[in-house]
Amino acid sequence: MPRTLSYLIALVWLVNGLFCKLLHFVPRHEAIVARILGPEHAPLLTRLIGLGEIGMAVWVVSGVARRWCAGAQIALILSMNTLEAVLAPDLLLWGRGNAGFAALFCLLIYGHAFRADHSVLR
């Protein structure tokens, strides 16, 4: 189960990075980046963010520094969602309700990294 949960968490990062940002299947993501960071470089910055999210997926699956990875994920998710809720709530799929899903995802990541017994992976 711990390995499956790692794959599911990584899948969230992969889908958001590859499909939503790099392949531009969800243009709303670039609109959010444009609103927060400015429209001049939004296409490039959106793709760079997508590459970072793909990198996060690889890190999650690797299992290297699992707790550092979880901390980085939680910090990124909370900071991204706070910025989005304040500066671009109208562009979010569920408006400010996105924060609830983000919080649940952070709890899942925390539980997986800090509470789960990963001895079965060794």
Protein backbone atom coordinates (compact mmCIF):
# COMPACT_ATOMS: atom_id res chain seq x y z
CA MET A 1 0.00 0.00 0.00
CA PRO A 2 2.74 2.60 0.76
CA ARG A 3 4.21 2.20 -2.74
CA THR A 4 0.75 2.53 -4.35
CA LEU A 5 0.10 5.71 -2.41
CA SER A 6 3.47 7.09 -3.56
CA TYR A 7 2.44 6.42 -7.16
CA LEU A 8 -0.94 8.12 -6.65
CA ILE A 9 0.66 11.21 -5.10
CA ALA A 10 3.21 11.30 -7.93
CA LEU A 11 0.41 10.95 -10.46
CA VAL A 12 -1.18 14.18 -9.19
CA TRP A 13 2.11 16.03 -9.77
CA LEU A 14 2.63 14.38 -13.15
CA VAL A 15 -0.85 15.16 -14.47
CA ASN A 16 -0.67 18.78 -13.31
CA GLY A 17 2.84 19.27 -14.67
CA LEU A 18 2.69 17.38 -17.95
CA PHE A 19 -0.90 17.58 -19.11
CA CYS A 20 -2.14 20.80 -17.50
CA LYS A 21 0.98 22.91 -17.94
CA LEU A 22 3.49 21.52 -20.45
CA LEU A 23 0.94 20.19 -22.94
CA HIS A 24 -1.43 23.09 -22.16
CA PHE A 25 -4.55 20.91 -21.87
CA VAL A 26 -5.85 23.23 -19.13
CA PRO A 27 -5.26 26.85 -20.24
CA ARG A 28 -6.61 28.08 -16.90
CA HIS A 29 -3.24 27.17 -15.36
CA GLU A 30 -1.42 29.64 -17.59
CA ALA A 31 -4.07 32.27 -16.85
CA ILE A 32 -3.42 31.82 -13.13
CA VAL A 33 0.34 32.18 -13.66
CA ALA A 34 -0.29 35.29 -15.78
CA ARG A 35 -2.45 36.82 -13.07
CA ILE A 36 0.11 36.15 -10.31
CA LEU A 37 3.45 36.59 -12.12
CA GLY A 38 2.41 38.76 -15.06
CA PRO A 39 1.36 37.95 -18.62
CA GLU A 40 4.69 38.75 -20.31
CA HIS A 41 6.41 35.50 -19.42
CA ALA A 42 3.42 33.38 -18.37
CA PRO A 43 3.80 30.75 -21.13
CA LEU A 44 7.45 30.10 -20.27
CA LEU A 45 6.92 30.24 -16.50
CA THR A 46 3.93 27.90 -16.74
CA ARG A 47 6.04 25.34 -18.59
CA LEU A 48 8.89 25.72 -16.09
CA ILE A 49 6.44 25.16 -13.24
CA GLY A 50 5.19 22.09 -15.12
CA LEU A 51 8.75 20.75 -15.38
CA GLY A 52 9.15 21.32 -11.65
CA GLU A 53 5.98 19.38 -10.97
CA ILE A 54 7.20 16.51 -13.12
CA GLY A 55 10.45 16.61 -11.16
CA MET A 56 8.43 16.42 -7.95
CA ALA A 57 6.64 13.32 -9.29
CA VAL A 58 10.00 11.67 -9.96
CA TRP A 59 11.22 12.59 -6.47
CA VAL A 60 8.07 11.13 -4.87
CA VAL A 61 8.43 7.84 -6.74
CA SER A 62 12.16 7.64 -5.99
CA GLY A 63 11.52 7.54 -2.25
CA VAL A 64 14.74 9.52 -1.68
CA ALA A 65 14.59 11.78 1.38
CA ARG A 66 10.92 10.95 1.75
CA ARG A 67 10.24 13.37 4.60
CA TRP A 68 12.09 16.26 2.94
CA CYS A 69 10.09 15.54 -0.19
CA ALA A 70 6.85 15.61 1.79
CA GLY A 71 7.82 18.88 3.44
CA ALA A 72 8.64 20.43 0.07
CA GLN A 73 5.33 19.22 -1.37
CA ILE A 74 3.32 20.58 1.53
CA ALA A 75 5.12 23.94 1.44
CA LEU A 76 4.57 24.24 -2.31
CA ILE A 77 0.92 23.22 -2.18
CA LEU A 78 0.08 25.58 0.68
CA SER A 79 1.97 28.53 -0.80
CA MET A 80 0.58 28.01 -4.33
CA ASN A 81 -2.97 27.64 -3.07
CA THR A 82 -2.71 30.66 -0.79
CA LEU A 83 -1.46 32.85 -3.66
CA GLU A 84 -4.14 31.51 -5.99
CA ALA A 85 -6.94 31.99 -3.44
CA VAL A 86 -5.91 35.59 -2.80
CA LEU A 87 -4.91 36.70 -6.31
CA ALA A 88 -6.93 34.52 -8.71
CA PRO A 89 -9.90 32.86 -6.96
CA ASP A 90 -12.12 33.36 -10.00
CA LEU A 91 -9.77 31.20 -12.12
CA LEU A 92 -9.76 28.23 -9.73
CA LEU A 93 -11.85 25.16 -10.49
CA TRP A 94 -13.67 25.34 -7.14
CA GLY A 95 -12.83 28.93 -6.25
CA ARG A 96 -11.60 29.31 -2.70
CA GLY A 97 -12.88 25.77 -2.09
CA ASN A 98 -9.67 24.56 -3.72
CA ALA A 99 -8.02 25.23 -0.36
CA GLY A 100 -10.03 22.39 1.18
CA PHE A 101 -8.80 19.90 -1.41
CA ALA A 102 -5.25 21.23 -1.02
CA ALA A 103 -5.44 20.76 2.75
CA LEU A 104 -6.69 17.18 2.36
CA PHE A 105 -3.89 16.43 -0.11
CA CYS A 106 -1.35 17.88 2.34
CA LEU A 107 -2.74 15.69 5.12
CA LEU A 108 -2.45 12.65 2.85
CA ILE A 109 1.17 13.51 2.02
CA TYR A 110 1.97 14.13 5.68
CA GLY A 111 0.40 10.86 6.77
CA HIS A 112 2.16 8.95 4.04
CA ALA A 113 5.60 10.37 4.83
CA PHE A 114 5.53 10.80 8.60
CA ARG A 115 2.95 8.34 9.87
CA ALA A 116 2.97 5.35 7.55
CA ASP A 117 5.12 2.30 8.20
CA HIS A 118 7.46 2.15 5.24
CA SER A 119 9.48 -0.80 6.52
CA VAL A 120 7.74 -2.96 3.90
CA LEU A 121 9.54 -0.95 1.21
CA ARG A 122 13.00 -1.89 2.43
